[in-house]
Protein backbone atom coordinates (compact mmCIF):
# COMPACT_ATOMS: atom_id res chain seq x y z
CA MET A 1 0.00 0.00 0.00
CA GLU A 2 1.32 3.44 -0.86
CA GLN A 3 1.96 5.84 1.99
CA ALA A 4 -0.80 8.40 2.36
CA GLN A 5 -0.44 12.09 3.27
CA ILE A 6 -2.84 12.82 6.11
CA VAL A 7 -3.40 16.19 7.82
CA LEU A 8 -5.74 16.10 10.81
CA GLU A 9 -7.75 19.06 12.02
CA THR A 10 -8.09 19.90 15.70
CA GLY A 11 -11.12 18.07 17.09
CA THR A 12 -10.85 15.06 14.76
CA GLN A 13 -12.01 11.88 16.49
CA LEU A 14 -9.53 8.98 16.54
CA VAL A 15 -9.10 5.56 18.09
CA VAL A 16 -5.68 4.93 19.67
CA ALA A 17 -4.03 1.65 20.68
CA LYS A 18 -0.63 0.12 21.34
CA ALA A 19 0.65 -1.82 18.36
CA GLY A 20 -0.33 -5.46 18.74
CA ASP A 21 -3.24 -4.80 21.12
CA GLU A 22 -6.71 -6.15 20.49
CA PRO A 23 -9.36 -3.71 19.12
CA SER A 24 -11.19 -3.89 22.45
CA ASP A 25 -8.12 -2.34 24.14
CA ALA A 26 -8.21 0.80 21.98
CA VAL A 27 -9.15 4.16 23.51
CA PRO A 28 -11.10 6.98 21.78
CA GLY A 29 -9.32 10.31 21.52
CA THR A 30 -9.47 13.78 20.01
CA VAL A 31 -6.76 15.55 18.02
CA ALA A 32 -5.38 18.54 19.94
CA ASP A 33 -2.64 19.41 17.46
CA HIS A 34 -1.06 18.03 14.29
CA SER A 35 2.12 19.79 13.18
CA GLY A 36 4.42 18.03 10.75
CA ASN A 37 4.87 14.47 11.95
CA LEU A 38 3.94 15.29 15.57
CA LEU A 39 0.39 14.40 16.57
CA THR A 40 -1.07 15.29 19.97
CA VAL A 41 -4.14 13.30 21.01
CA VAL A 42 -6.22 13.80 24.16
CA LEU A 43 -7.56 10.42 25.25
CA GLU A 44 -10.85 9.68 27.00
CA ARG A 45 -8.99 7.53 29.50
CA LYS A 46 -5.43 6.54 30.30
CA LEU A 47 -3.79 3.79 28.27
CA GLU A 48 -1.86 1.41 30.50
CA LEU A 49 1.89 0.83 30.01
CA VAL A 50 2.25 3.71 27.56
CA ARG A 51 5.60 5.50 27.76
CA PRO A 52 8.06 7.16 25.36
CA GLY A 53 9.33 4.80 22.67
CA ILE A 54 6.22 2.59 22.55
CA LEU A 55 4.80 2.03 19.07
CA MET A 56 1.16 3.11 18.70
CA ASN A 57 -1.41 3.13 15.96
CA VAL A 58 -4.17 5.67 15.43
CA ARG A 59 -7.25 5.11 13.30
CA SER A 60 -10.00 7.37 12.12
CA SER A 61 -13.36 6.70 13.72
CA ASN A 62 -14.68 5.37 10.41
CA CYS A 63 -11.46 3.35 9.81
CA ASP A 64 -10.58 4.99 6.47
CA PHE A 65 -6.95 5.61 7.50
CA ILE A 66 -4.42 4.35 10.02
CA GLY A 67 -1.18 5.92 11.27
CA TRP A 68 1.85 4.40 13.02
CA GLY A 69 4.22 6.25 15.34
CA LEU A 70 6.29 6.21 18.51
CA VAL A 71 5.28 7.93 21.74
CA GLU A 72 7.35 11.07 22.27
CA THR A 73 5.82 12.32 25.51
CA VAL A 74 2.97 11.48 27.86
CA GLN A 75 1.09 14.44 29.31
CA HIS A 76 -1.41 14.82 32.13
CA GLN A 77 -3.74 17.69 31.29
CA PRO A 78 -6.74 19.22 33.10
CA ASP A 79 -9.06 17.92 30.38
CA GLY A 80 -7.58 14.42 30.24
CA PHE A 81 -4.63 12.25 29.39
CA ALA A 82 -2.68 13.19 26.27
CA ILE A 83 0.12 11.64 24.25
CA VAL A 84 2.37 13.14 21.61
CA LEU A 85 3.22 10.75 18.78
CA SER A 86 5.90 11.02 16.14
CA ILE A 87 4.03 9.54 13.17
CA ASP A 88 6.24 7.49 10.88
CA ARG A 89 3.67 6.83 8.19
CA TRP A 90 -0.02 6.91 7.27
CA GLU A 91 -1.95 4.31 5.33
CA ASP A 92 -5.12 5.08 3.39
CA VAL A 93 -7.26 2.04 4.17
CA SER A 94 -9.79 3.06 1.51
CA GLN A 95 -7.09 2.45 -1.13
CA GLN A 96 -6.36 -1.12 -0.10
CA ARG A 97 -6.45 -3.57 -2.99
CA SER A 98 -8.88 -5.78 -1.07
CA VAL A 99 -11.31 -5.38 1.79
CA ARG A 100 -9.67 -6.63 4.98
CA VAL A 101 -11.68 -8.55 7.56
CA ARG A 102 -10.54 -8.98 11.16
CA VAL A 103 -10.36 -12.71 11.82
CA PRO A 104 -8.55 -13.86 15.01
CA LEU A 105 -7.31 -17.30 13.97
CA ARG A 106 -4.17 -19.32 14.60
CA VAL A 107 -1.53 -19.42 11.86
CA ALA A 108 1.47 -21.74 11.51
CA LEU A 109 4.34 -20.75 9.22
CA ALA A 110 7.43 -22.49 7.85
CA TYR A 111 10.30 -20.81 6.02
CA GLN A 112 13.85 -21.58 4.94
CA THR A 113 16.68 -20.01 6.90
CA ASP A 114 19.70 -18.51 5.18
CA GLY A 115 22.93 -20.42 4.99
CA ALA A 116 24.22 -23.65 3.58
CA SER A 117 22.12 -25.82 5.92
CA GLY A 118 18.87 -24.57 4.43
CA GLU A 119 17.09 -25.36 7.69
CA THR A 120 13.30 -25.20 7.78
CA LYS A 121 12.18 -23.03 10.67
CA ARG A 122 8.64 -23.08 12.04
CA THR A 123 6.73 -20.56 14.10
CA ILE A 124 3.15 -19.70 15.01
CA GLY A 125 1.21 -16.47 15.26
CA SER A 126 -2.27 -14.97 15.48
CA LEU A 127 -4.07 -13.72 12.39
CA ILE A 128 -5.08 -10.05 12.72
CA ASP A 129 -6.90 -9.60 9.43
CA ALA A 130 -7.05 -11.07 5.96
CA SER A 131 -8.09 -10.11 2.46
CA LEU A 132 -8.11 -11.90 -0.86
CA THR A 133 -4.51 -10.85 -1.49
CA GLY A 134 -2.76 -11.02 1.87
CA MET A 135 -2.89 -11.09 5.64
CA ARG A 136 -1.40 -9.51 8.76
CA ILE A 137 -0.14 -11.73 11.57
CA ARG A 138 0.84 -10.87 15.14
CA MET A 139 4.03 -12.60 16.25
CA ARG A 140 6.59 -12.37 19.04
CA SER A 141 9.51 -12.71 16.65
CA PRO A 142 9.70 -11.18 13.16
CA LEU A 143 10.17 -13.19 9.99
CA PRO A 144 12.86 -12.19 7.47
CA LYS A 145 11.52 -9.60 5.03
CA ASP A 146 10.98 -11.01 1.52
CA ALA A 147 11.11 -14.58 2.89
CA SER A 148 8.97 -17.19 1.15
CA VAL A 149 6.69 -18.93 3.64
CA HIS A 150 4.33 -21.86 3.78
CA ALA A 151 1.32 -20.78 5.87
CA THR A 152 -1.48 -22.82 7.41
CA ILE A 153 -4.52 -20.93 8.71
CA TYR A 154 -6.61 -22.96 11.16
CA LEU A 155 -10.30 -22.18 10.74
CA LYS A 156 -12.90 -22.58 13.47
CA SER A 157 -14.60 -25.26 11.35
CA ASP A 158 -11.52 -27.50 11.87
CA SER A 159 -10.59 -27.07 8.21
CA VAL A 160 -7.45 -25.25 7.08
CA ILE A 161 -6.22 -22.85 4.40
CA GLU A 162 -2.75 -23.70 3.12
CA LEU A 163 -0.81 -21.34 0.91
CA LEU A 164 2.57 -20.09 -0.19
CA GLY A 165 3.26 -16.44 0.54
CA LYS A 166 5.91 -13.77 0.79
CA VAL A 167 6.75 -11.57 3.78
CA THR A 168 6.21 -8.00 2.57
CA ARG A 169 6.75 -5.97 5.73
CA ILE A 170 7.50 -6.14 9.44
CA ILE A 171 6.27 -3.52 11.90
CA ALA A 172 8.21 -3.34 15.16
CA GLY A 173 5.80 -3.58 18.08
CA SER A 174 5.78 -2.69 21.74
CA GLU A 175 7.62 -4.92 24.17
CA ALA A 176 4.77 -4.20 26.56
CA SER A 177 2.11 -5.45 24.14
CA GLU A 178 1.12 -9.02 23.51
CA GLY A 179 2.77 -9.96 20.26
CA GLY A 180 5.75 -7.77 19.53
CA PHE A 181 5.50 -7.63 15.76
CA GLU A 182 2.93 -7.36 13.03
CA VAL A 183 4.02 -9.20 9.89
CA GLY A 184 2.43 -8.63 6.48
CA VAL A 185 2.29 -11.60 4.10
CA SER A 186 1.12 -11.42 0.50
CA PHE A 187 -0.45 -14.51 -1.04
CA VAL A 188 1.43 -16.20 -3.89
CA ARG A 189 -0.17 -19.62 -4.44
CA PHE A 190 -2.94 -21.54 -2.72
CA GLN A 191 -2.71 -25.23 -1.99
CA THR A 192 -6.01 -25.85 -0.19
CA GLY A 193 -8.88 -23.80 1.16
CA TYR A 194 -9.12 -20.98 -1.37
CA ASN A 195 -12.93 -21.11 -1.34
CA GLU A 196 -12.83 -20.89 2.45
CA LEU A 197 -10.68 -17.77 2.15
CA VAL A 198 -13.20 -16.15 -0.20
CA ALA A 199 -15.98 -16.92 2.29
CA LEU A 200 -13.83 -15.55 5.11
CA ALA A 201 -12.64 -12.35 3.43
CA TRP A 202 -15.78 -11.53 1.48
CA PRO A 203 -18.63 -12.64 3.77
CA HIS A 204 -21.27 -10.03 2.93
CA GLU A 205 -21.53 -10.40 -0.83
CA THR A 206 -23.40 -13.01 -2.85
CA GLU A 207 -20.67 -12.81 -5.50
CA PRO A 208 -17.00 -12.14 -4.74
CA PRO A 209 -15.19 -9.42 -6.70
CA ALA A 210 -13.27 -10.17 -9.88
CA GLU A 211 -10.00 -10.42 -7.93
CA ALA A 212 -11.43 -13.44 -6.11
CA LYS A 213 -11.18 -15.67 -9.16
CA GLN A 214 -9.48 -18.96 -8.38
CA PRO A 215 -5.71 -18.60 -8.92
CA ASP A 216 -3.42 -21.34 -10.09
CA VAL A 217 -3.40 -23.99 -7.37
CA GLN A 218 -0.18 -25.82 -6.61
CA SER A 219 -0.51 -29.18 -4.93
CA GLU A 220 3.11 -29.61 -3.99
CA ALA A 221 4.20 -28.21 -0.61
CA PRO A 222 7.68 -27.06 0.38
CA ALA A 223 10.04 -29.83 1.33
CA GLU A 224 9.39 -31.03 4.85
CA ASN A 225 12.36 -33.34 5.21
CA ALA A 226 14.71 -30.68 6.52
CA ASP A 227 15.39 -30.40 10.22
CA ALA A 228 12.83 -28.13 11.82
CA GLN A 229 13.18 -25.72 14.66
CA THR A 230 10.07 -24.45 16.41
CA GLU A 231 9.85 -20.94 17.76
CA ALA A 232 7.55 -20.20 20.66
CA ALA A 233 5.03 -17.60 19.71
């Protein structure tokens, strides 16, 4: 997604949360000032464990954009609790290639490590949201950027979605938040469960969009005969 240029007016309503937190942990707030990359937000209530250096995200009340930035200062004001954020980037959610749906499911990933051994490393994470083209996963440890991964999404129906993907970005998270990193994975090839993904990511339409056409399906999975090392998530 291309970086958006967002300028917020005083009084704009936002929702603020620590990176990696659940949506229910977010706190409503109001923009007090937005100058350059510094954004001051007065919150309705105090966010726990927020201190300088913690990564935060801010969303518009209608979720059409999201911003990421580090806490610069924490302020106690007569009208509430305020934080000053140094915003690193904005994303225009309305320009996403696909509608993203929040789906808290377990994901297992396998990827090849660098080096002559070519070891297969395995880890697990929690799915934050998914679309027809990619997904975001919360993990304690980041994956290598641009790494090819084999991903298994465990659905509540006891079925699975298996696919090959590519790590497109890693967002450093807060050490005080559950799950220290958000990892973006773009879909490359599906092995099983593509129809389940369409039903998951496009649940409110009788017909999925044109981009939901079945891609080439590869039946062969990455080699599993290499020694595996499991990371705790």
